[in-house]
Amino acid sequence: MEITNSLALHPIFDRLCFYNDHFEGELASLGDALGRDCMIAAFPPEGPYYLRLFNGDGSRNEDWFSWNAKVYSPIKGEVVRISINEITNTPGIQNPSPAYSILIRREDDAHVLLGHIQNPQVSEGDIVEEGQIIAYVGNNGYARNPHIHLGAYKDGIPLAIEFDPHKVASVRNRVGENWWFFGDDDPFKDA
């Protein structure tokens, strides 16, 4: 079956990202249905030399490459809602409360939800640009580890999402291989 209701997004990280798609029927609510959980992966400099999601045993949030990473807006639009949840989960333990999240509405009325954030850099009513820093990765709500949940919908219909491969290439070329794959030499540390 061909996907007709989809949305191509700007990457939310400036690092290599792994993701898990929520399949049709897995989650029902708008913003969750057909969503995608995104996590930064890296080659740890000290080895082993294969991509991982965390250093050590992953028992601390700080072990995860996604933890406290900058989150970039996937679209240009208005921040219409910020839902707050200040409770930080321990990896492996879920909290049944709602996620700390940002909801952005594009000019064509498509909405994108970013869940499990922390430290938002925007306020309700702000107009954000695609690729603008809007928050940092947290671990809250119904989450087992630091990641960002992305979901999209328009006119009450969930949208399948993807990252625009041209924009992914542009970000990777801008930040360089060392930062993209290893997290070394952060080009934005003074930003």
N, C-alpha and C. Protein backbone atom coordinates (compact mmCIF):
# COMPACT_ATOMS: atom_id res chain seq x y z
N MET A 1 0.84 -1.18 0.00
CA MET A 1 0.00 0.00 0.00
C MET A 1 0.89 1.24 0.00
N GLU A 2 0.60 2.16 -0.84
CA GLU A 2 1.37 3.40 -0.95
C GLU A 2 0.93 4.38 0.14
N ILE A 3 1.91 5.04 0.76
CA ILE A 3 1.62 6.03 1.78
C ILE A 3 1.34 7.36 1.09
N THR A 4 0.13 7.88 1.28
CA THR A 4 -0.22 9.15 0.64
C THR A 4 -0.22 10.31 1.63
N ASN A 5 -0.40 10.02 2.90
CA ASN A 5 -0.42 11.06 3.92
C ASN A 5 0.89 11.04 4.68
N SER A 6 1.89 11.73 4.14
CA SER A 6 3.19 11.74 4.79
C SER A 6 3.76 13.16 4.82
N LEU A 7 4.76 13.33 5.67
CA LEU A 7 5.36 14.64 5.87
C LEU A 7 6.88 14.46 5.95
N ALA A 8 7.61 15.17 5.09
CA ALA A 8 9.08 15.14 5.11
C ALA A 8 9.56 16.25 6.02
N LEU A 9 10.43 15.91 6.96
CA LEU A 9 10.86 16.83 8.00
C LEU A 9 12.35 17.13 7.93
N HIS A 10 12.71 18.29 8.47
CA HIS A 10 14.11 18.63 8.71
C HIS A 10 14.59 17.74 9.85
N PRO A 11 15.86 17.28 9.84
CA PRO A 11 16.34 16.45 10.95
C PRO A 11 16.27 17.20 12.28
N ILE A 12 15.95 16.46 13.34
CA ILE A 12 15.83 17.08 14.66
C ILE A 12 17.15 17.06 15.43
N PHE A 13 18.12 16.30 14.94
CA PHE A 13 19.44 16.24 15.57
C PHE A 13 20.51 16.64 14.57
N ASP A 14 21.66 17.09 15.07
CA ASP A 14 22.81 17.34 14.20
C ASP A 14 23.81 16.19 14.32
N ARG A 15 23.30 15.02 14.68
CA ARG A 15 24.09 13.81 14.85
C ARG A 15 23.37 12.65 14.14
N LEU A 16 24.10 11.58 13.90
CA LEU A 16 23.52 10.37 13.32
C LEU A 16 22.38 9.89 14.21
N CYS A 17 21.28 9.52 13.62
CA CYS A 17 20.07 9.17 14.36
C CYS A 17 19.55 7.80 13.94
N PHE A 18 19.21 6.99 14.92
CA PHE A 18 18.45 5.76 14.70
C PHE A 18 17.02 6.05 15.13
N TYR A 19 16.08 5.35 14.54
CA TYR A 19 14.70 5.57 14.95
C TYR A 19 13.89 4.29 14.83
N ASN A 20 12.79 4.29 15.57
CA ASN A 20 11.82 3.21 15.56
C ASN A 20 10.47 3.82 15.20
N ASP A 21 9.88 3.34 14.13
CA ASP A 21 8.57 3.85 13.72
C ASP A 21 7.46 3.12 14.46
N HIS A 22 6.44 3.87 14.86
CA HIS A 22 5.24 3.27 15.45
C HIS A 22 4.33 2.87 14.28
N PHE A 23 4.10 1.58 14.16
CA PHE A 23 3.33 1.07 13.03
C PHE A 23 1.85 1.42 13.16
N GLU A 24 1.15 1.34 12.03
CA GLU A 24 -0.27 1.67 12.00
C GLU A 24 -1.02 0.81 13.00
N GLY A 25 -1.79 1.45 13.89
CA GLY A 25 -2.59 0.75 14.89
C GLY A 25 -1.87 0.55 16.22
N GLU A 26 -0.56 0.79 16.28
CA GLU A 26 0.17 0.58 17.54
C GLU A 26 -0.26 1.62 18.59
N LEU A 27 -0.31 2.88 18.18
CA LEU A 27 -0.74 3.97 19.06
C LEU A 27 -1.86 4.71 18.36
N ALA A 28 -2.86 5.14 19.13
CA ALA A 28 -4.06 5.68 18.50
C ALA A 28 -4.16 7.20 18.52
N SER A 29 -3.62 7.87 19.51
CA SER A 29 -3.88 9.31 19.63
C SER A 29 -3.07 10.13 18.65
N LEU A 30 -3.64 11.26 18.25
CA LEU A 30 -2.94 12.16 17.33
C LEU A 30 -1.65 12.63 17.98
N GLY A 31 -0.59 12.63 17.21
CA GLY A 31 0.74 12.95 17.73
C GLY A 31 1.51 11.70 18.10
N ASP A 32 0.80 10.63 18.42
CA ASP A 32 1.43 9.33 18.69
C ASP A 32 1.31 8.40 17.49
N ALA A 33 0.12 8.36 16.90
CA ALA A 33 -0.14 7.44 15.78
C ALA A 33 0.84 7.71 14.64
N LEU A 34 1.45 6.67 14.13
CA LEU A 34 2.43 6.70 13.04
C LEU A 34 3.67 7.52 13.41
N GLY A 35 3.91 7.69 14.70
CA GLY A 35 5.05 8.47 15.17
C GLY A 35 6.37 7.73 15.01
N ARG A 36 7.42 8.41 15.44
CA ARG A 36 8.78 7.88 15.29
C ARG A 36 9.57 8.27 16.54
N ASP A 37 10.23 7.28 17.17
CA ASP A 37 11.11 7.53 18.31
C ASP A 37 12.54 7.63 17.79
N CYS A 38 13.22 8.75 18.09
CA CYS A 38 14.53 9.06 17.52
C CYS A 38 15.60 9.11 18.61
N MET A 39 16.71 8.42 18.35
CA MET A 39 17.82 8.36 19.29
C MET A 39 19.14 8.56 18.55
N ILE A 40 20.05 9.30 19.17
CA ILE A 40 21.38 9.51 18.59
C ILE A 40 22.21 8.25 18.79
N ALA A 41 22.91 7.85 17.75
CA ALA A 41 23.84 6.72 17.80
C ALA A 41 25.23 7.24 17.49
N ALA A 42 26.24 6.54 18.01
CA ALA A 42 27.62 6.99 17.78
C ALA A 42 28.57 5.81 17.84
N PHE A 43 29.75 6.03 17.26
CA PHE A 43 30.88 5.12 17.44
C PHE A 43 31.64 5.64 18.65
N PRO A 44 31.60 4.96 19.79
CA PRO A 44 32.36 5.44 20.94
C PRO A 44 33.86 5.48 20.61
N PRO A 45 34.54 6.59 20.86
CA PRO A 45 35.96 6.72 20.50
C PRO A 45 36.85 5.66 21.13
N GLU A 46 36.48 5.20 22.34
CA GLU A 46 37.30 4.20 23.02
C GLU A 46 36.96 2.77 22.61
N GLY A 47 35.99 2.62 21.69
CA GLY A 47 35.57 1.30 21.24
C GLY A 47 34.45 0.80 22.15
N PRO A 48 33.78 -0.28 21.83
CA PRO A 48 33.94 -1.05 20.60
C PRO A 48 33.50 -0.23 19.39
N TYR A 49 34.02 -0.58 18.23
CA TYR A 49 33.83 0.25 17.05
C TYR A 49 32.64 -0.19 16.21
N TYR A 50 31.49 -0.17 16.86
CA TYR A 50 30.22 -0.31 16.16
C TYR A 50 29.26 0.69 16.79
N LEU A 51 28.25 1.07 16.04
CA LEU A 51 27.32 2.09 16.51
C LEU A 51 26.56 1.60 17.74
N ARG A 52 26.43 2.51 18.69
CA ARG A 52 25.71 2.23 19.93
C ARG A 52 24.83 3.42 20.26
N LEU A 53 23.89 3.21 21.19
CA LEU A 53 23.02 4.28 21.65
C LEU A 53 23.51 4.89 22.95
N PHE A 54 24.42 4.21 23.65
CA PHE A 54 24.90 4.69 24.94
C PHE A 54 26.29 4.14 25.23
N ASN A 55 26.98 4.79 26.15
CA ASN A 55 28.24 4.30 26.70
C ASN A 55 27.95 3.52 27.97
N GLY A 56 28.89 2.69 28.39
CA GLY A 56 28.70 1.93 29.62
C GLY A 56 27.52 0.99 29.51
N ASP A 57 26.79 0.87 30.63
CA ASP A 57 25.66 -0.06 30.62
C ASP A 57 24.32 0.64 30.37
N GLY A 58 24.33 1.97 30.19
CA GLY A 58 23.10 2.70 29.88
C GLY A 58 22.19 2.90 31.07
N SER A 59 22.67 2.67 32.28
CA SER A 59 21.81 2.77 33.46
C SER A 59 21.60 4.21 33.93
N ARG A 60 22.40 5.13 33.40
CA ARG A 60 22.26 6.56 33.75
C ARG A 60 21.86 7.32 32.49
N ASN A 61 21.04 8.34 32.64
CA ASN A 61 20.66 9.16 31.48
C ASN A 61 21.89 9.70 30.78
N GLU A 62 22.90 10.09 31.56
CA GLU A 62 24.11 10.68 31.00
C GLU A 62 24.89 9.69 30.13
N ASP A 63 24.62 8.39 30.25
CA ASP A 63 25.28 7.38 29.41
C ASP A 63 24.79 7.45 27.96
N TRP A 64 23.58 7.95 27.76
CA TRP A 64 22.94 7.91 26.45
C TRP A 64 23.40 9.10 25.60
N PHE A 65 23.78 8.83 24.34
CA PHE A 65 24.24 9.89 23.45
C PHE A 65 23.15 10.93 23.20
N SER A 66 21.89 10.54 23.29
CA SER A 66 20.79 11.48 23.07
C SER A 66 20.60 12.42 24.25
N TRP A 67 20.96 12.01 25.44
CA TRP A 67 20.65 12.79 26.64
C TRP A 67 21.14 14.23 26.52
N ASN A 68 20.23 15.15 26.70
CA ASN A 68 20.49 16.58 26.71
C ASN A 68 21.04 17.11 25.38
N ALA A 69 20.87 16.35 24.31
CA ALA A 69 21.28 16.81 22.98
C ALA A 69 20.33 17.90 22.50
N LYS A 70 20.83 18.79 21.67
CA LYS A 70 20.00 19.84 21.10
C LYS A 70 18.96 19.24 20.17
N VAL A 71 17.74 19.77 20.25
CA VAL A 71 16.64 19.34 19.39
C VAL A 71 16.28 20.51 18.49
N TYR A 72 16.26 20.26 17.18
CA TYR A 72 15.99 21.29 16.19
C TYR A 72 14.57 21.15 15.66
N SER A 73 13.95 22.28 15.34
CA SER A 73 12.59 22.24 14.83
C SER A 73 12.54 21.53 13.48
N PRO A 74 11.62 20.58 13.32
CA PRO A 74 11.51 19.86 12.06
C PRO A 74 10.73 20.62 10.99
N ILE A 75 10.05 21.70 11.40
CA ILE A 75 9.25 22.50 10.46
C ILE A 75 9.31 23.96 10.87
N LYS A 76 8.88 24.82 9.95
CA LYS A 76 8.64 26.23 10.28
C LYS A 76 7.19 26.35 10.70
N GLY A 77 6.95 27.01 11.83
CA GLY A 77 5.58 27.17 12.27
C GLY A 77 5.47 27.82 13.62
N GLU A 78 4.26 27.81 14.15
CA GLU A 78 3.97 28.43 15.45
C GLU A 78 3.94 27.38 16.55
N VAL A 79 4.58 27.69 17.66
CA VAL A 79 4.51 26.82 18.85
C VAL A 79 3.13 27.05 19.46
N VAL A 80 2.27 26.04 19.36
CA VAL A 80 0.89 26.21 19.85
C VAL A 80 0.68 25.63 21.24
N ARG A 81 1.58 24.73 21.67
CA ARG A 81 1.42 24.17 23.01
C ARG A 81 2.76 23.63 23.51
N ILE A 82 3.02 23.87 24.78
CA ILE A 82 4.13 23.23 25.48
C ILE A 82 3.52 22.58 26.71
N SER A 83 3.61 21.26 26.78
CA SER A 83 3.12 20.51 27.93
C SER A 83 4.32 20.17 28.81
N ILE A 84 4.21 20.49 30.10
CA ILE A 84 5.35 20.37 31.00
C ILE A 84 5.23 19.12 31.87
N ASN A 85 6.35 18.41 31.98
CA ASN A 85 6.49 17.29 32.92
C ASN A 85 7.94 17.31 33.40
N GLU A 86 8.16 17.78 34.59
CA GLU A 86 9.52 17.95 35.12
C GLU A 86 10.09 16.66 35.74
N ILE A 87 9.34 15.57 35.73
CA ILE A 87 9.83 14.32 36.32
C ILE A 87 10.76 13.63 35.33
N THR A 88 12.00 13.41 35.75
CA THR A 88 12.98 12.73 34.89
C THR A 88 13.02 11.25 35.25
N ASN A 89 12.85 10.41 34.24
CA ASN A 89 12.88 8.97 34.43
C ASN A 89 14.31 8.46 34.55
N THR A 90 14.47 7.34 35.21
CA THR A 90 15.71 6.58 35.21
C THR A 90 15.63 5.61 34.03
N PRO A 91 16.70 5.45 33.25
CA PRO A 91 16.63 4.51 32.12
C PRO A 91 16.11 3.14 32.56
N GLY A 92 15.19 2.62 31.76
CA GLY A 92 14.58 1.32 32.03
C GLY A 92 13.30 1.40 32.82
N ILE A 93 12.99 2.56 33.40
CA ILE A 93 11.79 2.72 34.23
C ILE A 93 10.90 3.79 33.62
N GLN A 94 9.68 3.39 33.26
CA GLN A 94 8.73 4.33 32.65
C GLN A 94 7.89 5.00 33.71
N ASN A 95 7.50 6.22 33.43
CA ASN A 95 6.56 6.95 34.26
C ASN A 95 5.29 7.09 33.42
N PRO A 96 4.14 6.69 33.94
CA PRO A 96 2.93 6.73 33.11
C PRO A 96 2.38 8.12 32.84
N SER A 97 3.03 9.16 33.31
CA SER A 97 2.54 10.52 33.08
C SER A 97 2.79 10.96 31.64
N PRO A 98 2.09 12.01 31.19
CA PRO A 98 2.33 12.53 29.83
C PRO A 98 3.76 13.05 29.67
N ALA A 99 4.25 13.03 28.47
CA ALA A 99 5.60 13.50 28.17
C ALA A 99 5.65 15.03 28.17
N TYR A 100 6.80 15.57 28.50
CA TYR A 100 7.11 16.99 28.32
C TYR A 100 7.19 17.17 26.81
N SER A 101 6.42 18.08 26.23
CA SER A 101 6.34 18.11 24.77
C SER A 101 6.12 19.51 24.22
N ILE A 102 6.41 19.64 22.93
CA ILE A 102 6.16 20.85 22.16
C ILE A 102 5.31 20.47 20.95
N LEU A 103 4.28 21.25 20.67
CA LEU A 103 3.45 21.06 19.49
C LEU A 103 3.60 22.29 18.60
N ILE A 104 3.97 22.05 17.34
CA ILE A 104 4.18 23.13 16.37
C ILE A 104 3.18 22.98 15.23
N ARG A 105 2.55 24.10 14.84
CA ARG A 105 1.59 24.10 13.72
C ARG A 105 2.20 24.83 12.54
N ARG A 106 2.24 24.13 11.41
CA ARG A 106 2.74 24.73 10.18
C ARG A 106 1.63 25.57 9.54
N GLU A 107 2.01 26.44 8.60
CA GLU A 107 1.06 27.33 7.95
C GLU A 107 -0.09 26.57 7.27
N ASP A 108 0.17 25.37 6.76
CA ASP A 108 -0.88 24.58 6.09
C ASP A 108 -1.71 23.76 7.07
N ASP A 109 -1.55 24.00 8.38
CA ASP A 109 -2.27 23.36 9.48
C ASP A 109 -1.77 21.95 9.80
N ALA A 110 -0.65 21.53 9.24
CA ALA A 110 -0.02 20.29 9.70
C ALA A 110 0.59 20.57 11.07
N HIS A 111 0.46 19.62 11.97
CA HIS A 111 0.98 19.74 13.33
C HIS A 111 2.08 18.70 13.54
N VAL A 112 3.15 19.09 14.24
CA VAL A 112 4.21 18.16 14.60
C VAL A 112 4.41 18.23 16.11
N LEU A 113 4.39 17.06 16.75
CA LEU A 113 4.58 16.94 18.18
C LEU A 113 5.96 16.37 18.45
N LEU A 114 6.70 16.98 19.37
CA LEU A 114 8.00 16.46 19.82
C LEU A 114 7.87 16.17 21.30
N GLY A 115 7.95 14.90 21.66
CA GLY A 115 7.76 14.48 23.05
C GLY A 115 9.05 14.03 23.71
N HIS A 116 9.06 14.08 25.03
CA HIS A 116 10.18 13.67 25.91
C HIS A 116 11.31 14.69 25.89
N ILE A 117 10.96 15.94 25.65
CA ILE A 117 11.95 17.02 25.65
C ILE A 117 12.26 17.45 27.09
N GLN A 118 13.21 18.35 27.22
CA GLN A 118 13.43 19.09 28.45
C GLN A 118 14.00 20.45 28.06
N ASN A 119 13.95 21.39 28.99
CA ASN A 119 14.55 22.71 28.81
C ASN A 119 14.16 23.37 27.47
N PRO A 120 12.85 23.61 27.25
CA PRO A 120 12.45 24.23 25.98
C PRO A 120 13.09 25.61 25.82
N GLN A 121 13.46 25.92 24.60
CA GLN A 121 14.08 27.20 24.27
C GLN A 121 13.11 28.15 23.59
N VAL A 122 11.85 27.76 23.53
CA VAL A 122 10.80 28.55 22.89
C VAL A 122 9.61 28.64 23.83
N SER A 123 8.67 29.51 23.49
CA SER A 123 7.45 29.69 24.28
C SER A 123 6.24 29.55 23.37
N GLU A 124 5.10 29.28 23.97
CA GLU A 124 3.86 29.23 23.19
C GLU A 124 3.66 30.56 22.48
N GLY A 125 3.28 30.49 21.20
CA GLY A 125 3.08 31.67 20.39
C GLY A 125 4.29 32.06 19.55
N ASP A 126 5.46 31.51 19.89
CA ASP A 126 6.66 31.80 19.10
C ASP A 126 6.55 31.20 17.70
N ILE A 127 7.11 31.89 16.72
CA ILE A 127 7.27 31.35 15.38
C ILE A 127 8.69 30.80 15.30
N VAL A 128 8.81 29.52 14.95
CA VAL A 128 10.12 28.89 14.87
C VAL A 128 10.46 28.59 13.42
N GLU A 129 11.73 28.63 13.14
CA GLU A 129 12.23 28.29 11.81
C GLU A 129 12.67 26.83 11.79
N GLU A 130 12.56 26.22 10.65
CA GLU A 130 13.08 24.88 10.46
C GLU A 130 14.57 24.87 10.80
N GLY A 131 15.00 23.94 11.65
CA GLY A 131 16.40 23.85 12.02
C GLY A 131 16.80 24.71 13.21
N GLN A 132 15.86 25.43 13.81
CA GLN A 132 16.13 26.26 14.99
C GLN A 132 16.15 25.38 16.24
N ILE A 133 17.05 25.65 17.18
CA ILE A 133 17.07 24.91 18.44
C ILE A 133 15.80 25.25 19.22
N ILE A 134 15.05 24.21 19.61
CA ILE A 134 13.80 24.46 20.34
C ILE A 134 13.78 23.82 21.72
N ALA A 135 14.67 22.84 21.97
CA ALA A 135 14.66 22.14 23.25
C ALA A 135 15.89 21.24 23.33
N TYR A 136 15.90 20.42 24.38
CA TYR A 136 16.95 19.42 24.58
C TYR A 136 16.28 18.08 24.87
N VAL A 137 16.98 17.00 24.61
CA VAL A 137 16.43 15.66 24.81
C VAL A 137 16.35 15.34 26.30
N GLY A 138 15.17 14.88 26.71
CA GLY A 138 14.97 14.44 28.08
C GLY A 138 14.61 12.96 28.13
N ASN A 139 14.12 12.55 29.28
CA ASN A 139 13.63 11.19 29.50
C ASN A 139 12.50 11.33 30.51
N ASN A 140 11.29 11.49 30.01
CA ASN A 140 10.14 11.72 30.88
C ASN A 140 8.90 11.12 30.25
N GLY A 141 7.83 11.06 31.03
CA GLY A 141 6.60 10.47 30.54
C GLY A 141 6.78 8.97 30.31
N TYR A 142 6.04 8.45 29.36
CA TYR A 142 6.07 7.01 29.09
C TYR A 142 7.27 6.71 28.19
N ALA A 143 8.46 6.75 28.78
CA ALA A 143 9.71 6.53 28.04
C ALA A 143 10.64 5.67 28.88
N ARG A 144 11.40 4.82 28.23
CA ARG A 144 12.37 3.96 28.92
C ARG A 144 13.79 4.52 28.86
N ASN A 145 14.03 5.44 27.93
CA ASN A 145 15.38 5.99 27.76
C ASN A 145 15.28 7.36 27.08
N PRO A 146 16.36 8.14 27.15
CA PRO A 146 16.35 9.44 26.49
C PRO A 146 16.15 9.29 24.97
N HIS A 147 15.16 9.98 24.46
CA HIS A 147 14.88 10.00 23.02
C HIS A 147 13.86 11.09 22.74
N ILE A 148 13.60 11.34 21.48
CA ILE A 148 12.52 12.25 21.09
C ILE A 148 11.50 11.46 20.29
N HIS A 149 10.26 11.59 20.71
CA HIS A 149 9.14 11.02 19.94
C HIS A 149 8.63 12.12 19.02
N LEU A 150 8.51 11.80 17.75
CA LEU A 150 7.96 12.72 16.75
C LEU A 150 6.64 12.15 16.25
N GLY A 151 5.65 12.99 16.16
CA GLY A 151 4.40 12.59 15.57
C GLY A 151 3.83 13.75 14.77
N ALA A 152 3.02 13.46 13.76
CA ALA A 152 2.46 14.52 12.93
C ALA A 152 1.03 14.17 12.53
N TYR A 153 0.23 15.22 12.33
CA TYR A 153 -1.14 15.02 11.87
C TYR A 153 -1.64 16.29 11.20
N LYS A 154 -2.67 16.12 10.40
CA LYS A 154 -3.33 17.25 9.73
C LYS A 154 -4.80 16.89 9.55
N ASP A 155 -5.67 17.83 9.87
CA ASP A 155 -7.12 17.63 9.74
C ASP A 155 -7.59 16.36 10.45
N GLY A 156 -6.98 16.08 11.61
CA GLY A 156 -7.38 14.91 12.40
C GLY A 156 -6.89 13.58 11.86
N ILE A 157 -6.00 13.61 10.88
CA ILE A 157 -5.48 12.37 10.27
C ILE A 157 -3.98 12.25 10.57
N PRO A 158 -3.55 11.13 11.18
CA PRO A 158 -2.12 10.95 11.43
C PRO A 158 -1.33 10.92 10.12
N LEU A 159 -0.14 11.50 10.17
CA LEU A 159 0.73 11.52 9.00
C LEU A 159 1.96 10.65 9.27
N ALA A 160 2.33 9.86 8.27
CA ALA A 160 3.61 9.16 8.35
C ALA A 160 4.71 10.20 8.18
N ILE A 161 5.81 10.03 8.89
CA ILE A 161 6.87 11.03 8.81
C ILE A 161 8.16 10.39 8.33
N GLU A 162 8.98 11.23 7.74
CA GLU A 162 10.31 10.83 7.30
C GLU A 162 11.21 12.05 7.40
N PHE A 163 12.50 11.82 7.43
CA PHE A 163 13.44 12.94 7.38
C PHE A 163 13.85 13.14 5.93
N ASP A 164 13.77 14.38 5.47
CA ASP A 164 14.14 14.72 4.10
C ASP A 164 15.62 14.38 3.91
N PRO A 165 15.96 13.42 3.05
CA PRO A 165 17.36 13.00 2.91
C PRO A 165 18.29 14.09 2.41
N HIS A 166 17.78 15.05 1.65
CA HIS A 166 18.60 16.17 1.19
C HIS A 166 18.98 17.07 2.36
N LYS A 167 18.03 17.29 3.27
CA LYS A 167 18.31 18.12 4.45
C LYS A 167 19.21 17.39 5.43
N VAL A 168 19.06 16.07 5.54
CA VAL A 168 19.97 15.28 6.39
C VAL A 168 21.39 15.43 5.86
N ALA A 169 21.57 15.30 4.55
CA ALA A 169 22.91 15.44 3.96
C ALA A 169 23.47 16.83 4.20
N SER A 170 22.63 17.85 4.11
CA SER A 170 23.08 19.21 4.34
C SER A 170 23.59 19.40 5.77
N VAL A 171 22.85 18.87 6.75
CA VAL A 171 23.27 18.97 8.15
C VAL A 171 24.57 18.21 8.36
N ARG A 172 24.66 17.00 7.86
CA ARG A 172 25.86 16.19 8.03
C ARG A 172 27.08 16.89 7.43
N ASN A 173 26.92 17.47 6.25
CA ASN A 173 28.03 18.18 5.61
C ASN A 173 28.44 19.42 6.40
N ARG A 174 27.47 20.08 6.99
CA ARG A 174 27.75 21.30 7.77
C ARG A 174 28.49 20.98 9.07
N VAL A 175 28.11 19.89 9.75
CA VAL A 175 28.73 19.60 11.06
C VAL A 175 30.00 18.78 10.94
N GLY A 176 30.19 18.08 9.82
CA GLY A 176 31.41 17.28 9.62
C GLY A 176 31.29 15.88 10.19
N GLU A 177 32.15 15.01 9.69
CA GLU A 177 32.09 13.59 10.05
C GLU A 177 32.38 13.33 11.53
N ASN A 178 33.37 14.03 12.10
CA ASN A 178 33.71 13.76 13.50
C ASN A 178 32.54 14.02 14.44
N TRP A 179 31.82 15.11 14.21
CA TRP A 179 30.67 15.38 15.07
C TRP A 179 29.51 14.46 14.74
N TRP A 180 29.23 14.23 13.46
CA TRP A 180 28.09 13.40 13.04
C TRP A 180 28.19 11.98 13.59
N PHE A 181 29.37 11.36 13.50
CA PHE A 181 29.52 9.95 13.89
C PHE A 181 30.04 9.73 15.31
N PHE A 182 30.85 10.64 15.83
CA PHE A 182 31.51 10.41 17.10
C PHE A 182 31.09 11.38 18.20
N GLY A 183 30.56 12.53 17.83
CA GLY A 183 30.25 13.54 18.83
C GLY A 183 31.47 14.33 19.24
N ASP A 184 32.57 14.20 18.48
CA ASP A 184 33.82 14.92 18.77
C ASP A 184 33.82 16.25 18.05
N ASP A 185 34.47 17.23 18.64
CA ASP A 185 34.66 18.55 18.02
C ASP A 185 33.31 19.19 17.69
N ASP A 186 32.49 19.37 18.72
CA ASP A 186 31.17 19.98 18.55
C ASP A 186 31.29 21.33 17.86
N PRO A 187 30.77 21.46 16.63
CA PRO A 187 30.88 22.73 15.90
C PRO A 187 30.00 23.82 16.50
N PHE A 188 29.11 23.45 17.42
CA PHE A 188 28.16 24.41 17.99
C PHE A 188 28.39 24.66 19.48
N LYS A 189 29.53 24.22 20.02
CA LYS A 189 29.72 24.31 21.48
C LYS A 189 29.68 25.75 21.99
N ASP A 190 30.01 26.71 21.15
CA ASP A 190 29.98 28.11 21.56
C ASP A 190 28.71 28.82 21.12
N ALA A 191 27.80 28.09 20.50
CA ALA A 191 26.55 28.70 19.99
C ALA A 191 25.55 28.89 21.11
